[in-house]
Amino acid sequence: MQFTYKILLHKEPEGTYTVSVPALPGCITFGDNVDHAIKMAKEAIEVYIEELQSRGEEIPDDSETLEYSLNLSA
């Protein structure tokens, strides 16, 4: 099966990146740089899905989720 996930990368003050996967509550990891963070996110998602499958739970994904960024001036 194919699943689609959006990941959010947040740059930390020390230069590393925290990654969260909104469709998978609690699926959070980190990386030393953007490439490492993306690699770690893929691994975290795979482990998360394996756990859901082992419990017979539904596997959510973001294939029907639209994303848009707004820039506002304050």
C-alpha atoms as a PDB file:
ATOM      1  CA  MET A   1       0.000   0.000   0.000  1.00  0.00           C
ATOM      2  CA  GLN A   2       1.032   3.581  -0.587  1.00  0.00           C
ATOM      3  CA  PHE A   3       0.574   6.227   2.082  1.00  0.00           C
ATOM      4  CA  THR A   4       1.153   9.961   1.892  1.00  0.00           C
ATOM      5  CA  TYR A   5       2.285  12.044   4.864  1.00  0.00           C
ATOM      6  CA  LYS A   6       3.046  15.688   5.331  1.00  0.00           C
ATOM      7  CA  ILE A   7       5.894  16.381   7.712  1.00  0.00           C
ATOM      8  CA  LEU A   8       6.668  19.608   9.526  1.00  0.00           C
ATOM      9  CA  LEU A   9      10.289  20.532  10.157  1.00  0.00           C
ATOM     10  CA  HIS A  10      10.990  23.067  12.870  1.00  0.00           C
ATOM     11  CA  LYS A  11      14.517  24.472  13.102  1.00  0.00           C
ATOM     12  CA  GLU A  12      15.746  24.500  16.689  1.00  0.00           C
ATOM     13  CA  PRO A  13      18.013  27.247  18.112  1.00  0.00           C
ATOM     14  CA  GLU A  14      21.025  24.910  18.122  1.00  0.00           C
ATOM     15  CA  GLY A  15      20.535  24.189  14.401  1.00  0.00           C
ATOM     16  CA  THR A  16      18.929  20.736  14.532  1.00  0.00           C
ATOM     17  CA  TYR A  17      15.423  20.019  13.232  1.00  0.00           C
ATOM     18  CA  THR A  18      12.420  18.611  15.052  1.00  0.00           C
ATOM     19  CA  VAL A  19       9.995  16.765  12.781  1.00  0.00           C
ATOM     20  CA  SER A  20       6.342  16.030  13.448  1.00  0.00           C
ATOM     21  CA  VAL A  21       3.781  14.121  11.397  1.00  0.00           C
ATOM     22  CA  PRO A  22       0.358  15.720  11.979  1.00  0.00           C
ATOM     23  CA  ALA A  23      -1.612  12.717  10.643  1.00  0.00           C
ATOM     24  CA  LEU A  24       0.121  10.427  13.156  1.00  0.00           C
ATOM     25  CA  PRO A  25      -0.332  11.845  16.670  1.00  0.00           C
ATOM     26  CA  GLY A  26       2.840  11.564  18.722  1.00  0.00           C
ATOM     27  CA  CYS A  27       5.022  10.722  15.733  1.00  0.00           C
ATOM     28  CA  ILE A  28       7.926  13.071  16.386  1.00  0.00           C
ATOM     29  CA  THR A  29      11.635  12.739  15.645  1.00  0.00           C
ATOM     30  CA  PHE A  30      14.639  14.938  14.939  1.00  0.00           C
ATOM     31  CA  GLY A  31      17.651  15.278  12.691  1.00  0.00           C
ATOM     32  CA  ASP A  32      20.978  17.069  12.606  1.00  0.00           C
ATOM     33  CA  ASN A  33      20.060  18.751   9.293  1.00  0.00           C
ATOM     34  CA  VAL A  34      17.140  18.753   6.842  1.00  0.00           C
ATOM     35  CA  ASP A  35      18.232  15.600   4.985  1.00  0.00           C
ATOM     36  CA  HIS A  36      18.825  13.707   8.224  1.00  0.00           C
ATOM     37  CA  ALA A  37      15.484  14.909   9.621  1.00  0.00           C
ATOM     38  CA  ILE A  38      13.629  13.649   6.540  1.00  0.00           C
ATOM     39  CA  LYS A  39      15.384  10.275   6.777  1.00  0.00           C
ATOM     40  CA  MET A  40      14.478  10.016  10.455  1.00  0.00           C
ATOM     41  CA  ALA A  41      10.861  10.980   9.695  1.00  0.00           C
ATOM     42  CA  LYS A  42      10.588   8.163   7.167  1.00  0.00           C
ATOM     43  CA  GLU A  43      11.881   5.670   9.732  1.00  0.00           C
ATOM     44  CA  ALA A  44       9.547   6.991  12.443  1.00  0.00           C
ATOM     45  CA  ILE A  45       6.547   6.756  10.105  1.00  0.00           C
ATOM     46  CA  GLU A  46       7.432   3.175   9.148  1.00  0.00           C
ATOM     47  CA  VAL A  47       7.662   2.128  12.815  1.00  0.00           C
ATOM     48  CA  TYR A  48       4.407   3.937  13.621  1.00  0.00           C
ATOM     49  CA  ILE A  49       2.589   2.157  10.764  1.00  0.00           C
ATOM     50  CA  GLU A  50       3.991  -1.227  11.802  1.00  0.00           C
ATOM     51  CA  GLU A  51       2.638  -0.656  15.314  1.00  0.00           C
ATOM     52  CA  LEU A  52      -0.810   0.286  13.999  1.00  0.00           C
ATOM     53  CA  GLN A  53      -0.836  -2.804  11.769  1.00  0.00           C
ATOM     54  CA  SER A  54       0.174  -5.087  14.648  1.00  0.00           C
ATOM     55  CA  ARG A  55      -2.826  -3.819  16.632  1.00  0.00           C
ATOM     56  CA  GLY A  56      -5.187  -4.071  13.660  1.00  0.00           C
ATOM     57  CA  GLU A  57      -5.860  -0.337  13.683  1.00  0.00           C
ATOM     58  CA  GLU A  58      -6.680   1.853  10.709  1.00  0.00           C
ATOM     59  CA  ILE A  59      -3.707   3.592   9.111  1.00  0.00           C
ATOM     60  CA  PRO A  60      -4.423   7.273   8.455  1.00  0.00           C
ATOM     61  CA  ASP A  61      -2.704   9.249   5.732  1.00  0.00           C
ATOM     62  CA  ASP A  62      -2.647  12.729   4.201  1.00  0.00           C
ATOM     63  CA  SER A  63      -3.547  11.841   0.610  1.00  0.00           C
ATOM     64  CA  GLU A  64      -6.771  13.877   0.842  1.00  0.00           C
ATOM     65  CA  THR A  65      -5.277  16.756   2.837  1.00  0.00           C
ATOM     66  CA  LEU A  66      -4.649  20.084   1.163  1.00  0.00           C
ATOM     67  CA  GLU A  67      -1.893  22.329   2.423  1.00  0.00           C
ATOM     68  CA  TYR A  68      -1.522  26.062   2.118  1.00  0.00           C
ATOM     69  CA  SER A  69       0.755  28.542   3.859  1.00  0.00           C
ATOM     70  CA  LEU A  70      -0.418  32.027   4.710  1.00  0.00           C
ATOM     71  CA  ASN A  71       1.913  34.955   5.210  1.00  0.00           C
ATOM     72  CA  LEU A  72       0.482  37.754   7.323  1.00  0.00           C
ATOM     73  CA  SER A  73       1.876  41.097   8.341  1.00  0.00           C
ATOM     74  CA  ALA A  74       1.317  42.222  11.902  1.00  0.00           C
END
